[in-house]
Protein backbone atom coordinates (compact mmCIF):
# COMPACT_ATOMS: atom_id res chain seq x y z
CA UNK A 1 -23.54 12.01 10.70
CA UNK A 2 -22.17 11.66 14.23
CA UNK A 3 -20.22 14.92 14.05
CA UNK A 4 -23.39 16.60 12.81
CA UNK A 5 -25.35 15.58 15.89
CA UNK A 6 -26.85 12.37 14.53
CA UNK A 7 -27.26 9.06 16.32
CA UNK A 8 -25.50 5.78 15.64
CA UNK A 9 -28.60 4.85 13.62
CA UNK A 10 -28.22 7.91 11.39
CA UNK A 11 -24.58 6.99 10.90
CA UNK A 12 -25.35 3.36 10.07
CA UNK A 13 -28.10 4.24 7.60
CA UNK A 14 -25.96 6.88 5.88
CA UNK A 15 -23.03 4.48 5.62
CA UNK A 16 -25.27 1.72 4.32
CA UNK A 17 -26.75 3.99 1.65
CA UNK A 18 -23.29 5.11 0.51
CA UNK A 19 -22.10 1.50 0.34
CA UNK A 20 -25.06 0.75 -1.93
CA UNK A 21 -23.58 3.33 -4.32
CA UNK A 22 -19.87 2.53 -4.13
CA UNK A 23 -19.96 -1.25 -3.63
CA UNK A 24 -22.57 -2.62 -6.08
CA UNK A 25 -20.78 -5.97 -6.22
CA UNK A 26 -21.63 -6.50 -2.52
CA UNK A 27 -24.83 -4.57 -1.80
CA UNK A 28 -27.36 -2.21 -3.31
CA UNK A 29 -30.93 -0.96 -3.45
CA UNK A 30 -31.88 -4.30 -5.01
CA UNK A 31 -30.53 -6.23 -2.02
CA UNK A 32 -31.22 -6.70 1.65
CA UNK A 33 -30.12 -5.45 5.08
CA UNK A 34 -30.30 -7.06 8.51
CA UNK A 35 -29.57 -5.07 11.66
CA UNK A 36 -29.52 -5.30 15.44
CA UNK A 37 -29.96 -2.15 17.52
CA UNK A 38 -29.21 -1.72 21.22
CA UNK A 39 -30.83 1.40 22.69
CA UNK A 40 -29.40 3.50 25.51
CA UNK A 41 -31.71 1.75 28.01
CA UNK A 42 -30.35 -1.66 27.01
CA UNK A 43 -33.41 -2.75 25.02
CA UNK A 44 -32.69 -4.43 21.70
CA UNK A 45 -34.50 -4.83 18.38
CA UNK A 46 -33.74 -6.83 15.24
CA UNK A 47 -34.66 -5.54 11.77
CA UNK A 48 -35.22 -8.21 9.12
CA UNK A 49 -34.64 -6.41 5.84
CA UNK A 50 -34.72 -9.54 3.73
CA UNK A 51 -37.35 -10.06 1.07
CA UNK A 52 -39.74 -12.87 0.27
CA UNK A 53 -39.91 -15.02 -2.82
CA UNK A 54 -42.37 -13.77 -5.46
CA UNK A 55 -45.97 -14.87 -5.05
CA UNK A 56 -45.79 -16.27 -8.58
CA UNK A 57 -42.64 -18.35 -7.93
CA UNK A 58 -42.91 -21.68 -9.72
CA UNK A 59 -40.50 -24.40 -10.73
CA UNK A 60 -36.78 -24.60 -10.19
CA UNK A 61 -34.73 -21.54 -9.27
CA UNK A 62 -32.24 -20.93 -12.10
CA UNK A 63 -28.49 -20.77 -11.40
CA UNK A 64 -28.28 -17.11 -12.46
CA UNK A 65 -30.48 -14.20 -13.40
CA UNK A 66 -33.61 -12.60 -11.96
CA UNK A 67 -35.33 -15.95 -11.50
CA UNK A 68 -33.36 -16.04 -8.22
CA UNK A 69 -34.40 -12.54 -7.09
CA UNK A 70 -36.36 -11.98 -3.90
CA UNK A 71 -38.11 -8.70 -3.05
CA UNK A 72 -35.43 -6.08 -2.27
CA UNK A 73 -35.61 -5.34 1.45
CA UNK A 74 -32.70 -2.99 2.18
CA UNK A 75 -34.34 0.41 1.72
CA UNK A 76 -37.44 -0.48 3.72
CA UNK A 77 -35.24 -1.73 6.58
CA UNK A 78 -33.00 1.35 6.56
CA UNK A 79 -36.05 3.61 6.63
CA UNK A 80 -37.61 1.67 9.52
CA UNK A 81 -34.37 1.75 11.50
CA UNK A 82 -34.02 5.50 10.94
CA UNK A 83 -37.64 6.21 11.85
CA UNK A 84 -37.25 4.49 15.22
CA UNK A 85 -33.72 5.50 16.20
CA UNK A 86 -32.55 8.41 14.03
CA UNK A 87 -32.58 12.10 14.92
CA UNK A 88 -31.45 13.79 11.69
CA UNK A 89 -33.92 14.34 8.84
CA UNK A 90 -34.21 11.42 6.42
CA UNK A 91 -33.09 13.54 3.42
CA UNK A 92 -29.96 14.60 5.32
CA UNK A 93 -29.06 10.98 6.05
CA UNK A 94 -29.36 10.00 2.38
CA UNK A 95 -27.65 13.16 1.08
CA UNK A 96 -24.10 11.71 0.91
CA UNK A 97 -25.30 8.75 -1.15
CA UNK A 98 -27.24 11.05 -3.49
CA UNK A 99 -24.18 13.30 -3.91
CA UNK A 100 -21.71 10.49 -4.58
CA UNK A 101 -24.00 8.77 -7.08
CA UNK A 102 -24.59 12.05 -8.90
CA UNK A 103 -21.15 13.66 -8.77
CA UNK A 104 -19.29 10.43 -9.32
CA UNK A 105 -16.70 8.30 -7.57
CA UNK A 106 -13.35 6.78 -8.45
CA UNK A 107 -13.73 3.22 -9.71
CA UNK A 108 -11.71 1.30 -7.13
CA UNK A 109 -9.25 -1.40 -8.15
CA UNK A 110 -11.33 -4.04 -6.34
CA UNK A 111 -14.58 -3.01 -8.03
CA UNK A 112 -12.88 -2.80 -11.42
CA UNK A 113 -11.46 -6.32 -10.92
CA UNK A 114 -14.85 -7.66 -9.84
CA UNK A 115 -16.50 -6.20 -12.94
CA UNK A 116 -13.94 -7.86 -15.20
CA UNK A 117 -14.31 -11.24 -13.45
CA UNK A 118 -18.09 -11.12 -13.83
CA UNK A 119 -18.35 -9.20 -17.10
CA UNK A 120 -20.09 -12.03 -19.04
CA UNK A 121 -22.83 -12.23 -16.39
CA UNK A 122 -23.21 -8.47 -16.16
CA UNK A 123 -23.33 -8.00 -19.92
CA UNK A 124 -26.09 -10.62 -20.06
CA UNK A 125 -28.39 -8.91 -17.57
CA UNK A 126 -27.14 -5.33 -17.24
CA UNK A 127 -26.63 -4.04 -20.76
CA UNK A 128 -26.09 -0.27 -20.68
CA UNK A 129 -25.05 -0.13 -17.01
CA UNK A 130 -22.82 2.89 -16.57
CA UNK A 131 -20.18 0.96 -14.59
CA UNK A 132 -19.49 -1.21 -17.65
CA UNK A 133 -18.29 1.73 -19.71
CA UNK A 134 -14.49 1.76 -20.27
CA UNK A 135 -12.57 4.40 -18.35
CA UNK A 136 -8.93 4.93 -17.34
CA UNK A 137 -7.64 3.86 -13.92
CA UNK A 138 -8.72 6.43 -11.35
CA UNK A 139 -11.41 7.77 -13.66
CA UNK A 140 -14.64 8.83 -11.99
CA UNK A 141 -18.00 7.26 -12.69
CA UNK A 142 -21.35 8.87 -12.00
CA UNK A 143 -24.64 6.96 -11.71
CA UNK A 144 -27.37 9.46 -12.65
CA UNK A 145 -30.30 7.02 -12.56
CA UNK A 146 -29.27 5.79 -9.11
CA UNK A 147 -28.78 9.38 -7.89
CA UNK A 148 -32.25 10.34 -9.13
CA UNK A 149 -33.86 7.35 -7.42
CA UNK A 150 -32.05 8.01 -4.13
CA UNK A 151 -33.19 11.64 -4.32
CA UNK A 152 -36.79 10.49 -4.76
CA UNK A 153 -36.44 8.08 -1.84
CA UNK A 154 -35.05 10.94 0.25
CA UNK A 155 -38.08 13.06 -0.63
CA UNK A 156 -40.87 10.47 -0.68
CA UNK A 157 -39.56 7.68 1.54
CA UNK A 158 -39.45 3.96 0.64
CA UNK A 159 -42.65 4.28 -1.41
CA UNK A 160 -40.47 5.67 -4.20
CA UNK A 161 -39.04 2.16 -4.57
CA UNK A 162 -41.96 -0.04 -3.55
CA UNK A 163 -44.83 1.73 -5.32
CA UNK A 164 -45.63 3.15 -8.72
CA UNK A 165 -43.23 3.46 -11.61
CA UNK A 166 -40.18 1.99 -9.87
CA UNK A 167 -42.08 -1.09 -8.68
CA UNK A 168 -43.22 -1.56 -12.27
CA UNK A 169 -39.64 -1.12 -13.50
CA UNK A 170 -38.35 -3.74 -11.05
CA UNK A 171 -41.01 -6.22 -12.12
CA UNK A 172 -40.31 -5.48 -15.77
CA UNK A 173 -36.56 -5.97 -15.46
CA UNK A 174 -37.05 -9.20 -13.53
CA UNK A 175 -39.54 -10.52 -16.06
CA UNK A 176 -37.21 -9.94 -19.00
CA UNK A 177 -34.49 -11.95 -17.19
CA UNK A 178 -36.66 -14.89 -16.16
CA UNK A 179 -37.91 -13.58 -12.82
CA UNK A 180 -41.39 -13.57 -11.30
CA UNK A 181 -41.34 -10.40 -9.19
CA UNK A 182 -44.55 -8.39 -9.55
CA UNK A 183 -45.51 -4.88 -8.37
CA UNK A 184 -47.77 -6.48 -5.74
CA UNK A 185 -44.77 -8.30 -4.22
CA UNK A 186 -43.07 -4.94 -3.64
CA UNK A 187 -46.24 -3.19 -2.49
CA UNK A 188 -46.89 -5.86 0.16
CA UNK A 189 -43.32 -6.01 1.47
CA UNK A 190 -42.87 -5.35 5.20
CA UNK A 191 -39.82 -5.24 7.51
CA UNK A 192 -40.32 -7.54 10.53
CA UNK A 193 -39.01 -5.92 13.73
CA UNK A 194 -38.34 -8.64 16.28
CA UNK A 195 -36.51 -9.42 19.50
CA UNK A 196 -33.01 -10.87 19.05
CA UNK A 197 -32.05 -14.35 20.23
CA UNK A 198 -30.11 -13.78 23.46
CA UNK A 199 -27.94 -16.23 25.37
CA UNK A 200 -25.10 -16.14 27.90
CA UNK A 201 -22.02 -17.56 26.24
CA UNK A 202 -18.37 -17.46 27.33
CA UNK A 203 -19.28 -15.16 30.23
CA UNK A 204 -20.94 -12.51 28.04
CA UNK A 205 -24.46 -11.69 26.89
CA UNK A 206 -24.61 -12.33 23.14
CA UNK A 207 -27.57 -11.18 21.04
CA UNK A 208 -27.98 -12.72 17.61
CA UNK A 209 -30.19 -11.76 14.69
CA UNK A 210 -33.26 -14.04 14.92
CA UNK A 211 -34.55 -16.33 12.17
CA UNK A 212 -34.51 -16.22 9.23
CA UNK A 213 -30.88 -15.30 9.93
CA UNK A 214 -28.48 -18.13 10.72
CA UNK A 215 -26.68 -15.93 13.28
CA UNK A 216 -28.00 -18.06 16.13
CA UNK A 217 -25.64 -20.82 14.98
CA UNK A 218 -22.92 -18.80 16.74
CA UNK A 219 -24.80 -19.45 19.98
CA UNK A 220 -25.19 -23.15 19.10
CA UNK A 221 -21.49 -23.60 18.40
CA UNK A 222 -20.29 -21.66 21.46
CA UNK A 223 -22.58 -23.71 23.71
CA UNK A 224 -21.02 -26.90 22.32
CA UNK A 225 -17.55 -25.48 22.92
CA UNK A 226 -18.44 -24.61 26.52
CA UNK A 227 -19.73 -28.13 27.16
CA UNK A 228 -16.62 -29.79 25.72
CA UNK A 229 -14.30 -27.34 27.55
CA UNK A 230 -11.19 -28.03 25.44
CA UNK A 231 -7.67 -26.94 26.31
CA UNK A 232 -5.92 -24.26 24.29
CA UNK A 233 -4.08 -24.70 20.99
CA UNK A 234 -5.00 -27.36 18.47
CA UNK A 235 -7.41 -29.01 20.88
CA UNK A 236 -9.53 -25.87 21.12
CA UNK A 237 -9.40 -25.24 17.38
CA UNK A 238 -10.47 -28.81 16.63
CA UNK A 239 -13.40 -28.56 19.05
CA UNK A 240 -14.50 -25.23 17.59
CA UNK A 241 -14.36 -26.54 14.01
CA UNK A 242 -16.43 -29.55 15.04
CA UNK A 243 -18.88 -27.36 16.96
CA UNK A 244 -19.37 -25.07 13.97
CA UNK A 245 -19.83 -27.86 11.44
CA UNK A 246 -22.27 -29.54 13.84
CA UNK A 247 -24.18 -26.30 14.27
CA UNK A 248 -24.54 -25.90 10.50
CA UNK A 249 -26.26 -29.28 10.38
CA UNK A 250 -29.26 -27.40 11.86
CA UNK A 251 -29.26 -24.59 9.30
CA UNK A 252 -32.27 -25.72 7.28
CA UNK A 253 -34.38 -25.93 10.45
CA UNK A 254 -33.96 -22.16 10.91
CA UNK A 255 -36.57 -21.88 8.17
CA UNK A 256 -39.18 -23.55 10.38
CA UNK A 257 -42.14 -21.35 11.29
CA UNK A 258 -42.03 -22.56 14.91
CA UNK A 259 -39.29 -23.32 17.39
CA UNK A 260 -36.34 -22.18 15.29
CA UNK A 261 -34.91 -20.04 18.10
CA UNK A 262 -34.51 -23.17 20.24
CA UNK A 263 -31.72 -24.20 17.89
CA UNK A 264 -29.46 -21.84 19.84
CA UNK A 265 -29.50 -24.53 22.54
CA UNK A 266 -29.33 -27.58 20.25
CA UNK A 267 -26.80 -30.16 21.42
CA UNK A 268 -23.87 -30.71 19.06
CA UNK A 269 -21.81 -33.83 19.60
CA UNK A 270 -18.04 -33.42 19.30
CA UNK A 271 -15.52 -36.21 18.83
CA UNK A 272 -12.51 -34.89 20.78
CA UNK A 273 -10.06 -37.08 18.85
CA UNK A 274 -11.11 -37.27 15.21
CA UNK A 275 -12.63 -34.89 12.69
CA UNK A 276 -16.12 -35.98 11.72
CA UNK A 277 -15.84 -33.98 8.48
CA UNK A 278 -19.54 -33.21 8.44
CA UNK A 279 -19.10 -30.28 6.07
CA UNK A 280 -22.14 -28.04 6.00
CA UNK A 281 -20.88 -24.49 5.56
CA UNK A 282 -20.47 -23.30 1.98
CA UNK A 283 -17.82 -21.08 0.46
CA UNK A 284 -18.49 -17.54 -0.76
CA UNK A 285 -17.35 -14.25 0.66
CA UNK A 286 -19.27 -11.17 -0.42
CA UNK A 287 -21.41 -8.77 1.64
CA UNK A 288 -20.60 -5.60 3.57
CA UNK A 289 -20.79 -4.77 7.27
CA UNK A 290 -21.45 -1.58 9.26
CA UNK A 291 -21.00 -1.17 13.02
CA UNK A 292 -21.74 2.14 14.78
CA UNK A 293 -22.10 3.44 18.32
CA UNK A 294 -22.71 6.81 19.94
CA UNK A 295 -21.95 8.25 23.37
CA UNK A 296 -25.63 8.04 24.38
CA UNK A 297 -25.32 4.26 24.25
CA UNK A 298 -27.03 3.45 20.95
CA UNK A 299 -25.22 0.63 19.11
CA UNK A 300 -26.00 -0.73 15.63
CA UNK A 301 -24.73 -3.96 14.05
CA UNK A 302 -25.74 -4.24 10.39
CA UNK A 303 -24.99 -6.09 7.17
CA UNK A 304 -26.08 -5.36 3.61
CA UNK A 305 -25.90 -7.73 0.66
CA UNK A 306 -27.07 -8.75 -2.78
CA UNK A 307 -25.97 -12.34 -1.94
CA UNK A 308 -23.62 -13.47 -4.75
CA UNK A 309 -21.21 -10.99 -6.29
CA UNK A 310 -23.41 -8.49 -8.19
CA UNK A 311 -26.45 -10.51 -7.07
CA UNK A 312 -28.44 -11.72 -10.06
CA UNK A 313 -26.57 -9.25 -12.32
CA UNK A 314 -29.98 -8.04 -13.50
CA UNK A 315 -30.12 -4.27 -13.98
CA UNK A 316 -33.17 -2.18 -13.19
CA UNK A 317 -32.17 0.47 -15.72
CA UNK A 318 -34.64 3.12 -14.52
CA UNK A 319 -33.00 3.06 -11.07
CA UNK A 320 -29.42 2.14 -11.93
CA UNK A 321 -29.20 -0.81 -9.53
CA UNK A 322 -28.92 -4.61 -9.68
CA UNK A 323 -31.35 -7.15 -8.24
CA UNK A 324 -30.28 -9.74 -5.66
CA UNK A 325 -30.19 -13.51 -6.10
CA UNK A 326 -31.20 -14.30 -2.52
CA UNK A 327 -33.50 -17.20 -3.53
CA UNK A 328 -30.31 -19.26 -3.85
CA UNK A 329 -30.45 -19.28 -0.04
CA UNK A 330 -33.27 -21.84 -0.22
CA UNK A 331 -32.15 -25.43 0.29
CA UNK A 332 -34.45 -28.22 1.50
CA UNK A 333 -36.75 -29.38 4.30
CA UNK A 334 -37.92 -26.39 6.36
CA UNK A 335 -35.87 -24.12 4.10
CA UNK A 336 -37.44 -25.24 0.84
CA UNK A 337 -38.44 -22.68 -1.78
CA UNK A 338 -42.07 -21.58 -1.83
CA UNK A 339 -43.99 -18.46 -2.91
CA UNK A 340 -43.92 -15.73 -0.28
CA UNK A 341 -41.27 -17.44 1.88
CA UNK A 342 -37.98 -15.88 2.99
CA UNK A 343 -34.94 -18.18 2.68
CA UNK A 344 -32.60 -18.79 5.59
CA UNK A 345 -30.24 -15.85 5.51
CA UNK A 346 -26.45 -15.68 5.77
CA UNK A 347 -26.34 -12.13 7.22
CA UNK A 348 -25.43 -12.58 10.90
CA UNK A 349 -25.00 -9.38 12.94
CA UNK A 350 -24.29 -9.71 16.67
CA UNK A 351 -24.44 -7.49 19.74
CA UNK A 352 -22.27 -8.32 22.75
CA UNK A 353 -22.53 -7.03 26.33
CA UNK A 354 -19.50 -7.82 28.47
CA UNK A 355 -19.08 -6.01 31.77
CA UNK A 356 -19.37 -2.27 31.19
CA UNK A 357 -18.94 -2.58 27.43
CA UNK A 358 -21.58 -3.19 24.79
CA UNK A 359 -20.50 -3.55 21.19
CA UNK A 360 -21.62 -4.47 17.69
CA UNK A 361 -19.72 -7.19 15.84
CA UNK A 362 -20.34 -8.08 12.20
CA UNK A 363 -18.43 -9.35 9.17
CA UNK A 364 -19.01 -10.20 5.52
CA UNK A 365 -18.37 -13.75 4.36
CA UNK A 366 -21.58 -15.74 3.65
CA UNK A 367 -21.39 -18.94 5.75
CA UNK A 368 -18.01 -17.72 6.97
CA UNK A 369 -19.72 -15.04 9.04
CA UNK A 370 -20.78 -17.43 11.81
CA UNK A 371 -17.29 -18.95 11.82
CA UNK A 372 -15.38 -15.66 11.88
CA UNK A 373 -17.58 -14.22 14.62
CA UNK A 374 -17.19 -17.34 16.75
CA UNK A 375 -13.40 -17.24 16.47
CA UNK A 376 -13.26 -13.56 17.40
CA UNK A 377 -15.48 -14.14 20.44
CA UNK A 378 -13.43 -17.14 21.59
CA UNK A 379 -10.20 -15.16 21.29
CA UNK A 380 -11.65 -12.14 23.11
CA UNK A 381 -13.91 -13.68 25.75
CA UNK A 382 -12.17 -17.00 26.43
CA UNK A 383 -8.52 -16.24 25.73
CA UNK A 384 -8.56 -12.63 26.94
CA UNK A 385 -7.27 -11.04 23.72
CA UNK A 386 -8.11 -7.39 23.16
CA UNK A 387 -10.70 -6.74 20.49
CA UNK A 388 -8.08 -5.47 17.99
CA UNK A 389 -5.93 -8.55 18.62
CA UNK A 390 -8.95 -10.87 18.34
CA UNK A 391 -9.90 -9.32 14.99
CA UNK A 392 -6.34 -9.59 13.68
CA UNK A 393 -5.64 -13.19 14.73
CA UNK A 394 -5.20 -15.83 11.97
CA UNK A 395 -8.41 -17.70 11.12
CA UNK A 396 -9.80 -20.89 9.69
CA UNK A 397 -12.96 -21.44 7.69
CA UNK A 398 -14.84 -24.62 6.89
CA UNK A 399 -16.20 -24.51 3.35
CA UNK A 400 -17.54 -27.20 1.02
CA UNK A 401 -15.93 -29.99 3.05
CA UNK A 402 -12.45 -28.44 3.32
CA UNK A 403 -10.93 -26.62 6.28
CA UNK A 404 -9.29 -23.47 4.94
CA UNK A 405 -6.59 -21.81 7.04
CA UNK A 406 -4.70 -18.58 6.58
CA UNK A 407 -1.05 -18.97 5.58
CA UNK A 408 0.19 -17.55 8.89
CA UNK A 409 -1.85 -19.98 11.01
CA UNK A 410 0.23 -21.70 13.70
CA UNK A 411 2.12 -24.54 11.96
CA UNK A 412 1.98 -26.89 14.98
CA UNK A 413 -1.77 -26.42 15.22
CA UNK A 414 -2.17 -27.11 11.50
CA UNK A 415 -0.11 -30.31 11.77
CA UNK A 416 -2.24 -31.54 14.66
CA UNK A 417 -5.47 -30.75 12.80
CA UNK A 418 -4.24 -32.83 9.87
CA UNK A 419 -3.36 -35.65 12.25
CA UNK A 420 -6.93 -35.56 13.59
CA UNK A 421 -8.31 -36.03 10.11
CA UNK A 422 -9.18 -32.54 8.91
CA UNK A 423 -8.77 -31.95 5.18
CA UNK A 424 -6.84 -28.67 5.08
CA UNK A 425 -6.01 -26.12 2.43
CA UNK A 426 -3.96 -22.97 2.93
CA UNK A 427 -5.01 -19.61 1.52
CA UNK A 428 -3.06 -16.34 1.59
CA UNK A 429 -3.38 -14.40 4.82
CA UNK A 430 -6.09 -11.79 4.49
CA UNK A 431 -8.04 -13.69 1.82
CA UNK A 432 -11.66 -12.55 1.67
CA UNK A 433 -12.88 -16.01 2.67
CA UNK A 434 -11.84 -15.20 6.25
CA UNK A 435 -14.06 -12.15 6.68
CA UNK A 436 -13.43 -8.48 7.30
CA UNK A 437 -14.98 -7.70 10.67
CA UNK A 438 -16.15 -4.35 12.01
CA UNK A 439 -16.70 -3.54 15.67
CA UNK A 440 -18.06 -0.44 17.41
CA UNK A 441 -19.31 -0.02 20.94
CA UNK A 442 -19.69 1.98 24.10
CA UNK A 443 -18.07 1.81 27.53
CA UNK A 444 -21.13 2.44 29.64
CA UNK A 445 -19.14 3.43 32.74
CA UNK A 446 -17.25 6.25 31.02
CA UNK A 447 -19.67 6.98 28.16
CA UNK A 448 -16.80 6.53 25.70
CA UNK A 449 -17.55 5.20 22.24
CA UNK A 450 -14.92 3.05 20.53
CA UNK A 451 -14.31 1.37 17.18
CA UNK A 452 -11.89 -1.23 15.87
CA UNK A 453 -11.65 -3.05 12.59
CA UNK A 454 -10.21 -6.08 10.87
CA UNK A 455 -6.83 -5.57 9.17
CA UNK A 456 -8.16 -7.62 6.24
CA UNK A 457 -9.72 -6.18 3.09
CA UNK A 458 -11.16 -2.66 2.72
CA UNK A 459 -12.26 -2.00 6.30
CA UNK A 460 -12.31 1.45 7.88
CA UNK A 461 -13.09 2.56 11.42
CA UNK A 462 -12.90 5.63 13.61
CA UNK A 463 -14.22 7.00 16.89
CA UNK A 464 -15.59 10.53 16.55
């Protein structure tokens, strides 16, 4: 898209659409997309491509199946982003996704493994899905129903998904699997376009996706770290862990209809000596991230998801895609489940302006996103590491009451964290729990675009 004269928005939308074809375990047309965009003049917008709970939602949300499905928001958000910031025709931007879905793709080892791990769920709700058919390693798989739907979306716009026969098909598939989605829920869906939450942290201007995203917890945690001003090494790591767990104590309040943005400045108390072991963040690691920038200064930070792996595993057969299970993002208090409400959202894209550089920073990883992003920013902005070095550095992650650390984490730091009362567990270096960050930006003095990526997982980056 960039080589063909498109903008960073064209590139992000095209990449997002292709990912919805090749990575159905992480994202898809039945999922959501949240994005931040920085224009050439420095103005910024946030696109909330999450969906609301069905108007007919009633009772408990089941642990699996379409009873946990919110309105799919991804396609509406991608179309809105393209309409405001793209330059290439909409059909041209979707053309690669249409082609790959129709002509076929190799079934990657990671996707094949994910299908086998989740086969019982998929066979429950996605009988007849083409990706379930047996094929030899390296064999190609085409998705004709998905290709046909993407072609209609390219021709007709988002209405091809949110109106008429496809809206009826979505409601029908959800209803068979215990869901409450109705055609009216899709017809009434809108993509809020808002201002990001912006704060100065660690000497840089950081813009976070606004509520219902929990991205602002990065700002909360970094403010706590600045106030405590810890030394380097284990002391700094301990303070950052405590700041992050304390920030997550405010997560439910992000669902409040008023004042949620003020949580970016909420005071988090840190015990400098002992771990308070507040817990808060949950485990889970799937989603996909896209970061793009162009030489005109447009920068996009975006994430797409179906929430859990394969979402609800409910197939909309007429469109060849799976529905999300985003209603599992509801918890309690201000984030309680209710008809028409959007749950607090794990997708947490950031934009950072530091001197002459402005860049997008985003990572998959559920509640690990806020933690991974905070560690990268501390390494880059506070410790002076280059962006590639900051993305490659060993990480920790708090999840379900345990502090996970990569196997190559500094042994002396780990010993001191244990001494301070943290309950630690080691995972292999590069484990998906620690994210897979993407970064793209622009040096505004030289007009040079740049990109760098995490060495973990299946992450790819280039500057064109």
